[in-house]
Protein backbone atom coordinates (compact mmCIF):
# COMPACT_ATOMS: atom_id res chain seq x y z
CA MET A 1 -35.51 -26.94 7.96
CA ARG A 2 -37.01 -27.31 4.49
CA MET A 3 -35.98 -24.81 1.91
CA VAL A 4 -37.16 -23.41 -1.42
CA MET A 5 -34.90 -22.74 -4.40
CA GLU A 6 -35.78 -20.36 -7.19
CA CYS A 7 -33.54 -20.40 -10.30
CA ASP A 8 -33.01 -17.60 -12.79
CA VAL A 9 -34.18 -14.73 -10.53
CA LYS A 10 -33.97 -11.59 -12.62
CA ILE A 11 -33.12 -8.26 -11.07
CA THR A 12 -33.14 -5.04 -13.07
CA ALA A 13 -30.22 -2.73 -12.48
CA ARG A 14 -30.63 1.06 -12.60
CA ASP A 15 -29.52 1.17 -16.27
CA GLY A 16 -31.98 -1.59 -17.24
CA CYS A 17 -29.46 -4.43 -17.39
CA LEU A 18 -30.93 -7.79 -16.16
CA LEU A 19 -28.90 -9.54 -13.54
CA ASN A 20 -29.49 -13.26 -13.03
CA GLY A 21 -29.22 -15.34 -9.85
CA ASP A 22 -30.46 -18.21 -7.75
CA LEU A 23 -32.35 -17.79 -4.52
CA TYR A 24 -32.33 -20.20 -1.60
CA ARG A 25 -34.67 -19.51 1.35
CA PRO A 26 -36.31 -21.30 4.23
CA ASP A 27 -39.74 -22.76 3.55
CA ILE A 28 -41.44 -20.68 6.17
CA SER A 29 -43.98 -17.89 6.10
CA GLU A 30 -42.03 -15.40 8.24
CA PRO A 31 -39.66 -12.99 6.46
CA VAL A 32 -35.94 -13.55 7.08
CA PRO A 33 -32.63 -11.66 6.54
CA VAL A 34 -30.99 -12.15 3.13
CA LEU A 35 -27.32 -12.79 2.42
CA VAL A 36 -26.05 -11.82 -1.00
CA ARG A 37 -23.03 -13.32 -2.84
CA ARG A 38 -22.26 -11.82 -6.24
CA THR A 39 -19.81 -13.79 -8.34
CA PRO A 40 -18.07 -13.85 -11.74
CA TYR A 41 -17.63 -17.66 -11.45
CA GLY A 42 -21.17 -18.96 -11.93
CA THR A 43 -23.95 -20.01 -9.68
CA SER A 44 -23.89 -23.74 -10.40
CA GLY A 45 -21.31 -24.63 -7.76
CA ARG A 46 -21.65 -24.67 -3.98
CA PRO A 47 -24.09 -21.85 -3.05
CA GLY A 48 -21.77 -20.40 -0.48
CA GLY A 49 -18.58 -20.69 -2.56
CA ALA A 50 -15.44 -22.53 -1.70
CA SER A 51 -15.30 -21.73 2.07
CA VAL A 52 -18.86 -21.22 3.26
CA ASP A 53 -21.62 -23.82 3.60
CA GLY A 54 -24.44 -21.87 1.92
CA LEU A 55 -27.10 -24.40 2.68
CA ARG A 56 -26.19 -24.21 6.36
CA LEU A 57 -26.82 -20.46 6.16
CA VAL A 58 -30.33 -21.23 4.86
CA ARG A 59 -30.94 -23.89 7.49
CA GLU A 60 -30.04 -21.26 10.15
CA GLY A 61 -32.81 -19.03 8.87
CA TYR A 62 -31.23 -16.85 6.13
CA ALA A 63 -32.24 -16.38 2.54
CA LEU A 64 -29.24 -16.69 0.22
CA LEU A 65 -29.11 -14.91 -3.13
CA VAL A 66 -26.21 -16.04 -5.40
CA GLN A 67 -25.95 -13.77 -8.47
CA ASP A 68 -23.87 -13.64 -11.63
CA VAL A 69 -22.17 -10.28 -11.97
CA ARG A 70 -22.87 -8.25 -15.12
CA GLY A 71 -21.79 -9.91 -18.39
CA ARG A 72 -21.09 -13.32 -16.83
CA PHE A 73 -22.99 -16.54 -17.27
CA GLY A 74 -26.71 -15.68 -17.06
CA SER A 75 -26.50 -11.99 -16.44
CA GLY A 76 -26.84 -9.40 -19.22
CA GLY A 77 -24.49 -6.55 -20.14
CA VAL A 78 -20.77 -6.44 -20.85
CA PHE A 79 -18.29 -7.70 -18.33
CA GLU A 80 -15.45 -5.38 -17.37
CA PRO A 81 -13.92 -6.47 -14.12
CA TYR A 82 -14.66 -4.30 -11.13
CA VAL A 83 -16.34 -1.45 -12.98
CA ASN A 84 -20.02 -2.06 -12.30
CA GLU A 85 -19.92 -3.88 -9.04
CA ALA A 86 -20.66 -0.95 -6.72
CA ALA A 87 -23.88 0.07 -8.50
CA ASP A 88 -25.06 -3.41 -9.39
CA GLY A 89 -24.42 -4.75 -5.92
CA ALA A 90 -26.27 -1.86 -4.32
CA ASP A 91 -29.21 -2.32 -6.66
CA THR A 92 -29.33 -6.04 -5.92
CA VAL A 93 -29.40 -5.37 -2.14
CA ALA A 94 -32.04 -2.70 -2.53
CA TRP A 95 -34.25 -5.11 -4.54
CA ALA A 96 -33.78 -8.04 -2.15
CA VAL A 97 -34.68 -6.17 1.04
CA GLN A 98 -38.03 -5.11 -0.52
CA GLN A 99 -39.14 -8.67 -1.25
CA PRO A 100 -41.95 -10.18 0.92
CA TRP A 101 -39.68 -13.00 2.02
CA CYS A 102 -37.08 -10.60 3.43
CA ASP A 103 -37.30 -8.82 6.77
CA GLY A 104 -35.58 -5.71 5.37
CA THR A 105 -32.00 -6.58 6.38
CA ALA A 106 -29.14 -7.84 4.29
CA GLY A 107 -25.53 -8.94 4.49
CA MET A 108 -22.97 -9.51 1.71
CA PHE A 109 -20.10 -11.99 1.60
CA GLY A 110 -17.77 -13.82 -0.75
CA ARG A 111 -14.15 -14.78 -1.59
CA SER A 112 -11.64 -12.82 -3.63
CA TYR A 113 -13.39 -10.84 -6.38
CA GLU A 114 -16.78 -11.48 -4.67
CA GLY A 115 -15.44 -9.91 -1.42
CA MET A 116 -14.26 -6.82 -3.24
CA ALA A 117 -17.62 -6.62 -5.00
CA ALA A 118 -19.25 -6.61 -1.58
CA LEU A 119 -17.06 -3.84 -0.29
CA LEU A 120 -17.71 -1.69 -3.39
CA ALA A 121 -21.48 -2.18 -2.95
CA ALA A 122 -21.25 -1.32 0.76
CA ALA A 123 -19.70 2.06 -0.14
CA GLU A 124 -23.03 2.83 -1.90
CA ARG A 125 -24.89 2.36 1.36
CA PRO A 126 -27.81 0.46 0.02
CA PRO A 127 -30.85 0.39 2.37
CA GLY A 128 -30.89 -2.56 4.73
CA LEU A 129 -27.19 -3.56 4.29
CA ARG A 130 -25.98 -4.14 7.86
CA ALA A 131 -22.83 -6.28 7.54
CA VAL A 132 -20.23 -7.61 5.05
CA ALA A 133 -17.75 -10.49 5.22
CA PRO A 134 -15.02 -10.03 2.61
CA HIS A 135 -12.85 -13.18 2.41
CA VAL A 136 -9.40 -12.95 0.88
CA ALA A 137 -10.36 -9.61 -0.66
CA ALA A 138 -7.94 -6.94 -1.85
CA SER A 139 -8.18 -3.25 -1.16
CA ARG A 140 -7.53 -2.08 -4.76
CA PHE A 141 -7.24 -3.56 -8.20
CA ASP A 142 -3.89 -2.05 -9.27
CA GLU A 143 -1.23 -2.40 -6.56
CA GLY A 144 -1.72 -5.71 -4.83
CA TRP A 145 -3.80 -7.26 -7.59
CA THR A 146 -2.50 -6.35 -11.06
CA ARG A 147 0.90 -5.24 -9.80
CA GLN A 148 3.07 -5.45 -6.73
CA GLY A 149 5.93 -3.08 -6.08
CA GLY A 150 5.59 -1.88 -9.67
CA ALA A 151 5.96 -5.33 -11.17
CA LEU A 152 3.13 -7.04 -13.07
CA GLN A 153 1.72 -10.08 -11.22
CA LEU A 154 2.03 -12.05 -14.37
CA GLY A 155 1.72 -15.55 -12.90
CA PHE A 156 -1.64 -14.92 -11.32
CA LEU A 157 -3.05 -12.36 -13.78
CA LEU A 158 -2.54 -14.21 -17.03
CA TYR A 159 -3.87 -17.53 -15.69
CA TRP A 160 -6.84 -15.87 -13.97
CA VAL A 161 -8.00 -14.13 -17.14
CA LEU A 162 -7.53 -17.15 -19.39
CA ARG A 163 -8.75 -19.91 -17.10
CA ASP A 164 -11.31 -18.23 -14.83
CA LEU A 165 -12.66 -15.34 -16.88
CA LEU A 166 -12.51 -16.63 -20.51
CA LEU A 167 -12.72 -20.40 -20.42
CA ASP A 168 -16.07 -20.39 -18.53
CA GLY A 169 -18.73 -17.72 -18.22
CA ALA A 170 -17.70 -15.52 -21.19
CA GLY A 171 -20.01 -17.27 -23.68
CA LEU A 172 -17.17 -18.45 -25.92
CA THR A 173 -17.84 -21.32 -28.29
CA GLY A 174 -16.13 -23.00 -31.22
CA ALA A 175 -12.87 -21.67 -32.43
CA GLU A 176 -12.49 -18.91 -29.75
CA ARG A 177 -12.97 -21.40 -26.91
CA ALA A 178 -10.47 -23.78 -28.51
CA GLU A 179 -7.96 -20.94 -28.65
CA VAL A 180 -8.38 -20.28 -24.94
CA GLU A 181 -8.16 -23.93 -24.03
CA GLU A 182 -4.87 -24.19 -25.99
CA ALA A 183 -3.55 -21.09 -24.19
CA VAL A 184 -4.43 -22.50 -20.81
CA ASP A 185 -2.68 -25.80 -21.69
CA GLN A 186 0.37 -23.83 -22.75
CA ILE A 187 0.49 -21.43 -19.79
CA ASP A 188 4.09 -22.21 -18.92
CA ASP A 189 5.20 -21.28 -22.43
CA LEU A 190 3.16 -18.07 -22.28
CA TYR A 191 4.79 -17.14 -19.02
CA GLN A 192 8.13 -17.11 -20.85
CA ALA A 193 6.67 -15.20 -23.81
CA PRO A 194 3.46 -13.46 -22.63
CA GLU A 195 3.34 -11.32 -25.75
CA ALA A 196 2.27 -14.43 -27.63
CA ALA A 197 -1.18 -14.13 -25.95
CA ASP A 198 -1.64 -10.46 -26.86
CA ASP A 199 -3.82 -11.00 -29.96
CA LEU A 200 -6.06 -13.46 -28.14
CA LEU A 201 -6.48 -11.16 -25.16
CA ASP A 202 -7.01 -8.06 -27.19
CA ARG A 203 -9.92 -9.76 -28.95
CA LEU A 204 -11.55 -11.54 -25.99
CA ALA A 205 -10.39 -9.61 -22.93
CA PRO A 206 -9.47 -6.05 -23.91
CA TYR A 207 -9.39 -4.99 -20.26
CA TYR A 208 -6.10 -7.01 -19.82
CA ARG A 209 -4.17 -4.54 -21.99
CA ARG A 210 -5.86 -1.64 -20.26
CA TRP A 211 -4.59 -2.99 -16.90
CA ARG A 212 -1.05 -3.30 -18.28
CA ASP A 213 -0.99 0.16 -19.80
CA THR A 214 -2.75 2.09 -17.03
CA PRO A 215 -0.32 3.51 -14.41
CA THR A 216 -0.81 2.57 -10.78
CA ASP A 217 -3.06 4.91 -8.83
CA ALA A 218 -4.60 6.43 -12.02
CA PRO A 219 -8.30 7.52 -11.84
CA TYR A 220 -9.25 4.32 -13.67
CA TRP A 221 -8.11 2.35 -10.61
CA ARG A 222 -9.23 4.73 -7.87
CA ARG A 223 -12.84 4.72 -8.91
CA VAL A 224 -13.10 0.98 -8.26
CA ALA A 225 -10.88 0.71 -5.14
CA PRO A 226 -12.51 -0.06 -1.81
CA ARG A 227 -9.65 1.81 -0.07
CA GLU A 228 -10.94 5.05 -1.66
CA SER A 229 -14.44 4.54 0.00
CA TYR A 230 -13.58 3.64 3.58
CA PRO A 231 -15.32 6.80 4.93
CA ALA A 232 -18.49 5.78 3.07
CA ILE A 233 -18.63 2.17 4.30
CA GLN A 234 -20.76 1.77 7.45
CA ALA A 235 -21.45 -1.97 7.45
CA PRO A 236 -19.50 -3.86 10.11
CA ALA A 237 -17.02 -6.26 8.48
CA LEU A 238 -15.51 -9.68 9.09
CA HIS A 239 -12.20 -9.86 7.23
CA LEU A 240 -10.65 -13.29 6.57
CA THR A 241 -7.34 -13.90 4.83
CA GLY A 242 -4.21 -16.11 4.87
CA TRP A 243 -0.51 -15.47 5.41
CA TYR A 244 0.22 -16.90 1.96
CA ASP A 245 -2.76 -15.28 0.18
CA ILE A 246 -1.96 -13.18 -2.85
CA PHE A 247 -4.21 -10.36 -1.54
CA LEU A 248 -3.05 -10.45 2.13
CA ALA A 249 -1.80 -6.85 2.15
CA GLY A 250 -5.10 -5.61 0.87
CA ALA A 251 -7.14 -7.46 3.37
CA LEU A 252 -5.07 -6.08 6.21
CA GLU A 253 -5.48 -2.55 4.71
CA ASN A 254 -9.22 -3.11 4.55
CA TYR A 255 -9.34 -4.01 8.23
CA ARG A 256 -7.15 -1.02 9.26
CA GLY A 257 -8.93 1.39 6.96
CA MET A 258 -12.46 0.53 7.99
CA ARG A 259 -11.65 0.21 11.67
CA GLY A 260 -9.95 3.60 11.45
CA GLN A 261 -13.28 5.07 10.32
CA GLY A 262 -14.98 3.73 13.49
CA VAL A 263 -16.61 0.82 11.73
CA GLU A 264 -16.67 -2.43 13.82
CA SER A 265 -14.28 -4.83 12.18
CA ARG A 266 -12.84 -8.23 12.93
CA LEU A 267 -9.84 -9.94 11.40
CA VAL A 268 -8.90 -13.61 11.00
CA VAL A 269 -5.60 -14.67 9.40
CA GLY A 270 -4.81 -18.32 8.99
CA PRO A 271 -1.97 -20.42 7.41
CA TRP A 272 -3.73 -20.40 4.04
CA SER A 273 -3.14 -19.32 0.49
CA HIS A 274 -5.66 -18.37 -2.16
CA GLY A 275 -6.15 -22.00 -3.08
CA VAL A 276 -5.10 -23.87 0.09
CA THR A 277 -7.55 -23.57 2.98
CA GLY A 278 -6.86 -26.74 4.91
CA GLY A 279 -3.52 -25.73 6.29
CA ILE A 280 -1.73 -28.47 4.38
CA PHE A 281 0.81 -27.54 1.78
CA PRO A 282 2.98 -29.94 -0.23
CA GLN A 283 5.90 -29.51 2.16
CA ARG A 284 4.17 -28.29 5.36
CA ARG A 285 1.34 -29.35 7.56
CA TYR A 286 0.12 -26.83 10.14
CA GLY A 287 -2.20 -29.25 11.92
CA ILE A 288 -5.93 -29.92 12.17
CA LEU A 289 -6.50 -26.64 14.02
CA ALA A 290 -5.34 -24.77 10.91
CA ASP A 291 -8.12 -26.13 8.66
CA GLU A 292 -10.81 -23.56 7.70
CA GLN A 293 -13.43 -26.17 8.32
CA HIS A 294 -12.14 -26.98 11.83
CA LEU A 295 -12.08 -23.26 12.58
CA ASP A 296 -15.65 -23.24 11.27
CA VAL A 297 -15.55 -20.34 8.82
CA THR A 298 -19.29 -20.79 8.17
CA GLY A 299 -19.91 -20.43 11.88
CA LEU A 300 -17.85 -17.22 11.91
CA HIS A 301 -20.04 -15.85 9.19
CA LEU A 302 -23.19 -16.87 11.08
CA GLU A 303 -22.02 -15.28 14.27
CA HIS A 304 -21.16 -12.05 12.43
CA PHE A 305 -24.50 -11.84 10.58
CA ASP A 306 -26.50 -12.96 13.64
CA ARG A 307 -25.04 -10.07 15.58
CA HIS A 308 -25.53 -7.34 13.03
CA LEU A 309 -28.69 -8.47 11.20
CA ARG A 310 -30.58 -10.16 14.06
CA GLY A 311 -29.18 -8.29 17.06
CA LEU A 312 -27.94 -11.44 18.77
CA GLU A 313 -25.09 -11.30 21.23
CA PRO A 314 -21.90 -13.11 20.11
CA ARG A 315 -21.40 -16.55 21.53
CA THR A 316 -18.07 -15.62 22.98
CA GLU A 317 -16.45 -12.27 23.63
CA GLN A 318 -12.96 -12.11 22.20
CA ASN A 319 -10.41 -9.71 20.83
CA PRO A 320 -11.23 -8.54 17.27
CA VAL A 321 -7.99 -10.01 15.75
CA ARG A 322 -7.33 -13.67 15.56
CA LEU A 323 -4.07 -14.89 14.08
CA PHE A 324 -2.51 -18.32 13.49
CA LEU A 325 1.13 -18.00 14.52
CA THR A 326 3.17 -20.24 12.22
CA GLY A 327 6.22 -21.82 13.86
CA ALA A 328 4.27 -22.16 17.10
CA ASP A 329 1.32 -23.45 14.97
CA THR A 330 -1.31 -22.09 17.31
CA TRP A 331 -4.12 -19.50 17.28
CA ARG A 332 -3.79 -16.30 19.32
CA SER A 333 -6.06 -13.27 19.67
CA PHE A 334 -5.02 -9.64 19.85
CA PRO A 335 -6.76 -6.32 20.41
CA ASP A 336 -5.83 -4.85 16.99
CA TRP A 337 -3.69 -4.91 13.88
CA PRO A 338 -0.94 -3.74 13.74
CA VAL A 339 -0.58 -5.79 16.93
CA PRO A 340 0.13 -3.63 20.00
CA GLY A 341 3.38 -4.37 21.73
CA THR A 342 5.56 -4.88 18.67
CA GLY A 343 8.76 -2.99 18.15
CA GLU A 344 11.06 -2.62 15.16
CA TYR A 345 13.85 -5.19 15.18
CA ALA A 346 16.58 -4.46 12.62
CA LEU A 347 19.00 -7.08 11.22
CA HIS A 348 21.75 -5.54 9.14
CA LEU A 349 23.40 -7.10 6.11
CA ASP A 350 27.05 -7.93 6.66
CA GLY A 351 28.83 -10.07 4.04
CA GLN A 352 26.67 -13.23 4.08
CA ALA A 353 25.36 -12.56 7.62
CA LEU A 354 22.46 -10.80 9.27
CA VAL A 355 23.54 -9.03 12.40
CA PRO A 356 21.58 -7.17 15.11
CA GLY A 357 22.77 -3.79 16.54
CA PRO A 358 24.07 -0.79 14.67
CA GLY A 359 25.42 -2.71 11.69
CA PRO A 360 28.91 -3.30 10.43
CA ALA A 361 31.27 -0.33 10.45
CA GLU A 362 33.17 -1.40 7.34
CA PRO A 363 31.43 -0.97 3.97
CA GLY A 364 31.00 -3.87 1.62
CA SER A 365 29.15 -4.95 -1.43
CA ARG A 366 27.98 -7.97 -3.40
CA PRO A 367 27.21 -8.18 -7.11
CA LEU A 368 23.69 -9.20 -8.27
CA ARG A 369 23.35 -10.48 -11.84
CA HIS A 370 20.10 -10.58 -13.82
CA ASP A 371 19.59 -12.77 -16.86
CA PRO A 372 16.08 -12.45 -18.43
CA VAL A 373 16.52 -15.75 -20.20
CA HIS A 374 17.22 -17.57 -16.95
CA PRO A 375 15.32 -15.67 -14.24
CA VAL A 376 15.11 -16.87 -10.66
CA PRO A 377 12.17 -19.25 -10.63
CA THR A 378 9.19 -18.66 -8.37
CA THR A 379 9.41 -21.04 -5.45
CA GLY A 380 6.42 -20.72 -3.17
CA GLY A 381 5.11 -17.59 -1.50
CA ALA A 382 1.87 -15.64 -1.76
CA THR A 383 1.11 -16.41 -5.33
CA ALA A 384 -1.65 -18.18 -7.34
CA LEU A 385 -0.04 -20.26 -10.02
CA PRO A 386 -1.72 -23.17 -11.77
CA GLY A 387 0.24 -26.02 -10.16
CA GLN A 388 -2.04 -28.57 -8.43
CA PHE A 389 -5.07 -26.30 -8.72
CA THR A 390 -3.06 -23.25 -7.56
CA GLY A 391 -1.93 -25.09 -4.45
CA GLY A 392 1.32 -26.80 -5.36
CA ASP A 393 3.31 -23.72 -6.33
CA CYS A 394 2.57 -21.51 -3.35
CA GLY A 395 3.17 -21.30 0.39
CA PRO A 396 6.11 -22.31 2.60
CA LEU A 397 8.25 -24.14 0.13
CA ASP A 398 11.85 -25.05 0.85
CA GLN A 399 14.20 -22.54 -0.74
CA ARG A 400 17.48 -24.53 -0.66
CA GLU A 401 17.44 -25.41 -4.35
CA VAL A 402 16.91 -21.80 -5.50
CA GLU A 403 19.44 -20.57 -2.93
CA ARG A 404 22.16 -22.53 -4.74
CA ARG A 405 21.93 -20.13 -7.67
CA ALA A 406 24.72 -17.63 -8.08
CA ASP A 407 22.13 -14.88 -8.77
CA VAL A 408 20.44 -15.30 -5.34
CA LEU A 409 22.19 -13.54 -2.42
CA CYS A 410 21.65 -15.04 1.06
CA PHE A 411 22.22 -13.32 4.37
CA THR A 412 21.74 -15.55 7.43
CA GLY A 413 21.62 -14.89 11.14
CA THR A 414 23.15 -17.02 13.97
CA PRO A 415 21.07 -19.80 15.59
CA LEU A 416 18.57 -18.34 17.99
CA THR A 417 18.86 -19.12 21.72
CA ALA A 418 15.27 -17.97 22.51
CA PRO A 419 12.05 -17.73 20.51
CA LEU A 420 11.68 -14.72 18.23
CA THR A 421 8.00 -13.80 17.56
CA VAL A 422 7.45 -11.61 14.54
CA VAL A 423 3.91 -10.27 13.96
CA GLY A 424 3.27 -7.55 11.38
CA ASP A 425 4.57 -6.02 8.19
CA THR A 426 8.19 -6.80 7.31
CA ALA A 427 10.44 -4.81 5.02
CA LEU A 428 13.90 -4.84 3.41
CA VAL A 429 15.68 -1.49 3.17
CA VAL A 430 18.66 -1.97 0.91
CA LEU A 431 21.17 0.28 -0.83
CA VAL A 432 21.54 -0.72 -4.48
CA THR A 433 23.39 0.57 -7.49
CA PRO A 434 21.10 -0.62 -10.30
CA ASP A 435 21.99 -1.21 -13.93
CA ALA A 436 21.03 1.63 -16.22
CA ALA A 437 18.52 -0.72 -17.92
CA GLY A 438 16.51 -0.90 -14.70
CA ALA A 439 16.12 -3.45 -11.92
CA ASP A 440 13.77 -5.58 -9.96
CA ILE A 441 14.91 -6.08 -6.33
CA THR A 442 13.19 -9.03 -4.63
CA GLY A 443 13.37 -10.00 -1.01
CA LYS A 444 12.42 -13.12 0.86
CA LEU A 445 12.12 -13.74 4.62
CA VAL A 446 13.10 -17.39 5.35
CA ASP A 447 13.07 -19.48 8.51
CA VAL A 448 16.10 -21.88 8.40
CA HIS A 449 15.39 -25.00 10.48
CA PRO A 450 18.16 -26.91 12.30
CA ASP A 451 18.10 -29.62 9.63
CA GLY A 452 18.81 -26.99 6.94
CA ARG A 453 15.27 -26.66 5.57
CA ALA A 454 14.78 -23.03 4.39
CA GLU A 455 11.07 -22.34 4.74
CA LEU A 456 9.75 -19.28 2.98
CA LEU A 457 7.61 -17.02 5.05
CA CYS A 458 6.88 -13.96 2.93
CA ASP A 459 8.41 -12.04 0.02
CA GLY A 460 8.10 -8.92 -2.15
CA VAL A 461 9.52 -6.90 -5.02
CA HIS A 462 10.34 -3.34 -5.89
CA ARG A 463 10.84 -2.19 -9.47
CA LEU A 464 13.32 0.50 -10.53
CA ALA A 465 12.76 1.89 -14.01
CA ALA A 466 15.58 2.37 -16.49
CA GLY A 467 17.81 5.28 -15.61
CA ALA A 468 17.19 5.09 -11.88
CA VAL A 469 20.91 5.51 -11.10
CA PRO A 470 21.58 8.93 -9.48
CA GLY A 471 23.55 11.48 -11.43
CA ASP A 472 26.57 10.91 -9.21
CA GLY A 473 26.43 7.17 -9.90
CA GLY A 474 25.88 6.37 -6.24
CA PRO A 475 23.52 3.78 -4.77
CA VAL A 476 19.76 4.30 -4.31
CA GLU A 477 17.83 3.26 -1.23
CA VAL A 478 15.16 0.70 -2.08
CA THR A 479 12.39 -0.38 0.27
CA VAL A 480 10.95 -3.82 -0.56
CA ARG A 481 7.67 -4.51 1.21
CA THR A 482 8.28 -8.19 1.94
CA GLY A 483 4.86 -8.80 3.42
CA ALA A 484 3.14 -9.53 6.70
CA VAL A 485 3.76 -12.52 8.93
CA GLY A 486 2.68 -14.00 12.22
CA HIS A 487 5.55 -16.37 12.93
CA VAL A 488 7.61 -17.72 15.73
CA PHE A 489 11.29 -18.46 14.96
CA ARG A 490 12.05 -21.27 17.47
CA PRO A 491 15.34 -21.74 19.32
CA GLY A 492 17.98 -23.26 17.05
CA HIS A 493 16.40 -21.74 13.97
CA ARG A 494 17.99 -18.93 11.98
CA VAL A 495 16.61 -15.92 10.18
CA ARG A 496 17.52 -15.65 6.52
CA LEU A 497 17.10 -12.94 3.93
CA GLU A 498 17.29 -13.69 0.19
CA ILE A 499 17.83 -10.96 -2.37
CA ALA A 500 17.50 -11.54 -6.16
CA ALA A 501 16.64 -9.59 -9.27
CA SER A 502 13.69 -11.68 -10.45
CA ASN A 503 10.96 -14.05 -9.26
CA ALA A 504 9.30 -15.47 -12.38
CA PRO A 505 6.68 -16.18 -13.44
CA ARG A 506 5.11 -14.63 -10.32
CA PHE A 507 6.34 -11.24 -11.57
CA ASP A 508 7.07 -10.28 -15.19
CA VAL A 509 10.80 -10.18 -15.98
CA HIS A 510 12.51 -6.78 -15.87
CA PRO A 511 14.65 -5.57 -17.62
CA SER A 512 14.59 -7.61 -20.79
CA VAL A 513 18.47 -7.53 -21.14
CA VAL A 514 21.30 -8.90 -19.00
CA ALA A 515 21.84 -6.47 -16.17
CA HIS A 516 24.36 -6.06 -13.35
CA HIS A 517 23.45 -4.54 -9.97
CA THR A 518 25.40 -4.02 -6.78
CA VAL A 519 24.05 -4.52 -3.26
CA HIS A 520 25.78 -2.31 -0.65
CA TYR A 521 26.00 -2.73 3.14
CA GLY A 522 27.98 -1.48 6.10
CA GLY A 523 29.42 1.96 6.83
CA ASN A 524 27.01 4.57 5.58
CA HIS A 525 25.02 1.98 3.65
CA ARG A 526 22.58 0.79 6.34
CA SER A 527 20.98 -2.08 4.40
CA ARG A 528 18.71 -3.94 6.79
CA LEU A 529 15.83 -6.30 7.33
CA LEU A 530 13.09 -4.79 9.51
CA LEU A 531 10.99 -7.19 11.56
CA PRO A 532 8.10 -6.29 13.92
CA ARG A 533 9.08 -8.19 17.07
CA LEU A 534 6.49 -8.90 19.73
CA ALA A 535 8.03 -7.54 22.91
CA ASP A 536 6.29 -9.75 25.49
CA ASP A 537 7.36 -13.01 23.80
């Protein structure tokens, strides 16, 4: 099918701001549905973004409008992340469905920021919007984006602002651009001394300090959080995310929250990170079936929009949840998330072991030291660091090197005699006496292979502020949300838990002084790892 492309399409927002975009549409006389992708990253790349073949959408009979968000590239106004996406997105859809080439129906899609922009616009209920497809999208911009467990997501946040928001699209030239280029090139040094970038960021990205200084769940965050608008969103949604994606928890919350409001929702979770979509990490290959392109992510979008914009029946009836189970390295479908049929499986800390059952009767403890000058280095996980285009530093990396450190506590189960299938949200509940200066408690769930490889599955952090020690000096119970998994521990493998007091530069270092904590277990201190075990496996 031949297509027509129109560049620099201007759309006037309700406050008069001109938004710029490119339009691709079939070269036919009949009106067609329109799909809208609004992006802060420019319209010059692939029209559908990193995961979707936009030209295939057009060949299948859709118009595609790719638009710069306010204050970016060709669009007017001032860019402040998140703040204008609901109104601007709704205005864009309202304009598009009134055009003679449109049949009055629209869908929205996009990755990451783009997917959140689509959800925010959907909450405005613009006329004609009948479906959305948020891909690796979070549910809020504070917890899970700017912070996690109270810690600043420094590794992602600083690089994202400098590389993706300032280096391109912000209109910088000359000396200012040179400053940003130098900062990007020196990102590893800035991770160790992030305050060195304060002057640059205050001048060119004042929103960064606002994010650091605004407490979690403040009104500033709530007014731009999709999770606050679930009751208002009526458009059926296709949610796609990855087990190692930095925004996994938010994508799962979006699915649950919208489905809980009666909105038809589907969920796909693959063995992907924010930058790795082929299922191939530096130390792990999940096979051809794991590749987004083999799965045909574009085809999933087409099926979703065909159903809700054109009224076509789906090609195949299937459960709404489709998960790639790592370990078994296969796709399985389920009727919902959380997956029905899972039950809590507790493994208690005992010396250096993880034991099932009621836990050890005798109390014990292990010291946990924190040195801000030599923090525990980030080694894989659901992060987005700059290594190898944000792919080399994330995912299922081997933990053996980091486990040799004296400031990393390991607790390991016995070799399994039967498969253990874990599907859902995991958590560490641990009794800790923190230093008076404060503490970060990090937890990692690890699959130890028979050859000793310690493959990271998921991890998390919980921050305790200074003075968190109870008045009686006793321990405090800390819950670390260690993330969601869909994983099969195979026979001969062992479950391992790592506990440390830092994970840098993924999270900013806290406290800034040497600190000594104590991890308690046994007796009345029921420190335990909680796993959602699938009962029928």
